[in-house]
Amino acid sequence: MTTTQLNTRVPEELAAAVRASASRAQMTIGDYVASVLEADQAAVSSPDLRQARAQMHAAAAYRKWLANGKSEDGAMGMDEVFDA
C-alpha cells in the first residue's frame, strides 16, 4: 500500500493523549492515528455507526466549546440534537 504523510497542528493536550493512547496500544503514533482515521472513515457505511460517529464528534466539539469559555445558555442538549 502506498502511504503519504499528513501534517496537522493539534493542541498539546490532544497530542499528549494521542501519544499515551498509542503507547498503551503498543503502536507508533502514525499507526495509531491511521487506525483511528480508518475507523472513522469506515463509520460512514452504516447508519448506526454514522450516528455514533456524529455523536462522538458533537461531544468533542461541545467540550471544546465549553473549554473556550463559551456559554451554553439557550443551547440545545445532546438529546435534543440527536432525538435520543
C-alpha atoms as a PDB file:
ATOM      1  CA  MET A   1       0.000   0.000   0.000  1.00  0.00           C
ATOM      2  CA  THR A   2       1.301   3.446  -0.880  1.00  0.00           C
ATOM      3  CA  THR A   3       1.410   5.853   2.028  1.00  0.00           C
ATOM      4  CA  THR A   4       1.511   9.619   2.238  1.00  0.00           C
ATOM      5  CA  GLN A   5       2.354  11.996   5.027  1.00  0.00           C
ATOM      6  CA  LEU A   6      -0.243  14.292   6.583  1.00  0.00           C
ATOM      7  CA  ASN A   7       0.806  17.145   8.841  1.00  0.00           C
ATOM      8  CA  THR A   8      -1.516  18.853  11.271  1.00  0.00           C
ATOM      9  CA  ARG A   9      -1.421  21.045  14.324  1.00  0.00           C
ATOM     10  CA  VAL A  10      -3.316  19.954  17.422  1.00  0.00           C
ATOM     11  CA  PRO A  11      -3.463  21.266  20.976  1.00  0.00           C
ATOM     12  CA  GLU A  12      -0.658  19.909  23.155  1.00  0.00           C
ATOM     13  CA  GLU A  13      -3.196  18.205  25.443  1.00  0.00           C
ATOM     14  CA  LEU A  14      -4.579  16.241  22.496  1.00  0.00           C
ATOM     15  CA  ALA A  15      -1.097  15.348  21.281  1.00  0.00           C
ATOM     16  CA  ALA A  16      -0.207  14.044  24.751  1.00  0.00           C
ATOM     17  CA  ALA A  17      -3.399  11.982  24.900  1.00  0.00           C
ATOM     18  CA  VAL A  18      -2.714  10.514  21.439  1.00  0.00           C
ATOM     19  CA  ARG A  19       0.863   9.664  22.404  1.00  0.00           C
ATOM     20  CA  ALA A  20      -0.384   7.942  25.566  1.00  0.00           C
ATOM     21  CA  SER A  21      -3.081   6.002  23.684  1.00  0.00           C
ATOM     22  CA  ALA A  22      -0.583   4.873  21.051  1.00  0.00           C
ATOM     23  CA  SER A  23       1.819   3.760  23.766  1.00  0.00           C
ATOM     24  CA  ARG A  24      -0.895   1.787  25.564  1.00  0.00           C
ATOM     25  CA  ALA A  25      -1.803   0.112  22.274  1.00  0.00           C
ATOM     26  CA  GLN A  26       1.899  -0.581  21.633  1.00  0.00           C
ATOM     27  CA  MET A  27       1.658   1.231  18.305  1.00  0.00           C
ATOM     28  CA  THR A  28       3.605   4.026  16.683  1.00  0.00           C
ATOM     29  CA  ILE A  29       1.813   7.355  16.711  1.00  0.00           C
ATOM     30  CA  GLY A  30       1.468   7.176  12.918  1.00  0.00           C
ATOM     31  CA  ASP A  31      -0.054   3.695  13.012  1.00  0.00           C
ATOM     32  CA  TYR A  32      -2.388   4.665  15.860  1.00  0.00           C
ATOM     33  CA  VAL A  33      -3.622   7.830  14.121  1.00  0.00           C
ATOM     34  CA  ALA A  34      -4.068   5.919  10.852  1.00  0.00           C
ATOM     35  CA  SER A  35      -6.162   3.255  12.615  1.00  0.00           C
ATOM     36  CA  VAL A  36      -8.361   5.918  14.245  1.00  0.00           C
ATOM     37  CA  LEU A  37      -8.872   7.650  10.895  1.00  0.00           C
ATOM     38  CA  GLU A  38      -9.631   4.347   9.151  1.00  0.00           C
ATOM     39  CA  ALA A  39     -12.251   3.512  11.790  1.00  0.00           C
ATOM     40  CA  ASP A  40     -13.785   6.967  11.431  1.00  0.00           C
ATOM     41  CA  GLN A  41     -13.986   6.619   7.647  1.00  0.00           C
ATOM     42  CA  ALA A  42     -15.479   3.111   7.909  1.00  0.00           C
ATOM     43  CA  ALA A  43     -18.305   4.514  10.014  1.00  0.00           C
ATOM     44  CA  VAL A  44     -19.829   6.306   7.015  1.00  0.00           C
ATOM     45  CA  SER A  45     -21.076   2.999   5.561  1.00  0.00           C
ATOM     46  CA  SER A  46     -23.512   2.174   8.364  1.00  0.00           C
ATOM     47  CA  PRO A  47     -26.409   4.340   9.603  1.00  0.00           C
ATOM     48  CA  ASP A  48     -25.849   3.240  13.222  1.00  0.00           C
ATOM     49  CA  LEU A  49     -22.117   3.876  13.026  1.00  0.00           C
ATOM     50  CA  ARG A  50     -22.764   7.215  11.288  1.00  0.00           C
ATOM     51  CA  GLN A  51     -24.991   8.286  14.197  1.00  0.00           C
ATOM     52  CA  ALA A  52     -22.435   7.141  16.778  1.00  0.00           C
ATOM     53  CA  ARG A  53     -19.712   8.981  14.843  1.00  0.00           C
ATOM     54  CA  ALA A  54     -21.792  12.169  14.712  1.00  0.00           C
ATOM     55  CA  GLN A  55     -22.458  11.976  18.450  1.00  0.00           C
ATOM     56  CA  MET A  56     -18.773  11.474  19.157  1.00  0.00           C
ATOM     57  CA  HIS A  57     -17.775  14.457  17.012  1.00  0.00           C
ATOM     58  CA  ALA A  58     -20.510  16.607  18.546  1.00  0.00           C
ATOM     59  CA  ALA A  59     -19.402  15.694  22.081  1.00  0.00           C
ATOM     60  CA  ALA A  60     -15.817  16.661  21.248  1.00  0.00           C
ATOM     61  CA  ALA A  61     -16.970  19.963  19.743  1.00  0.00           C
ATOM     62  CA  TYR A  62     -19.114  20.609  22.836  1.00  0.00           C
ATOM     63  CA  ARG A  63     -16.148  20.024  25.180  1.00  0.00           C
ATOM     64  CA  LYS A  64     -14.053  22.393  23.066  1.00  0.00           C
ATOM     65  CA  TRP A  65     -16.834  24.998  23.108  1.00  0.00           C
ATOM     66  CA  LEU A  66     -17.008  24.908  26.905  1.00  0.00           C
ATOM     67  CA  ALA A  67     -13.203  24.879  27.279  1.00  0.00           C
ATOM     68  CA  ASN A  68     -13.066  28.096  25.250  1.00  0.00           C
ATOM     69  CA  GLY A  69     -15.381  29.766  27.768  1.00  0.00           C
ATOM     70  CA  LYS A  70     -18.424  29.855  25.514  1.00  0.00           C
ATOM     71  CA  SER A  71     -21.849  29.977  27.123  1.00  0.00           C
ATOM     72  CA  GLU A  72     -24.359  27.184  26.801  1.00  0.00           C
ATOM     73  CA  ASP A  73     -27.292  29.425  27.742  1.00  0.00           C
ATOM     74  CA  GLY A  74     -30.173  28.692  25.387  1.00  0.00           C
ATOM     75  CA  ALA A  75     -28.317  25.864  23.694  1.00  0.00           C
ATOM     76  CA  MET A  76     -29.889  22.558  22.715  1.00  0.00           C
ATOM     77  CA  GLY A  77     -28.912  19.488  24.692  1.00  0.00           C
ATOM     78  CA  MET A  78     -27.323  16.449  23.083  1.00  0.00           C
ATOM     79  CA  ASP A  79     -30.613  14.554  23.499  1.00  0.00           C
ATOM     80  CA  GLU A  80     -32.441  17.268  21.565  1.00  0.00           C
ATOM     81  CA  VAL A  81     -29.844  17.288  18.794  1.00  0.00           C
ATOM     82  CA  PHE A  82     -29.845  13.515  18.348  1.00  0.00           C
ATOM     83  CA  ASP A  83     -33.505  12.941  19.256  1.00  0.00           C
ATOM     84  CA  ALA A  84     -32.452  10.323  21.804  1.00  0.00           C
END
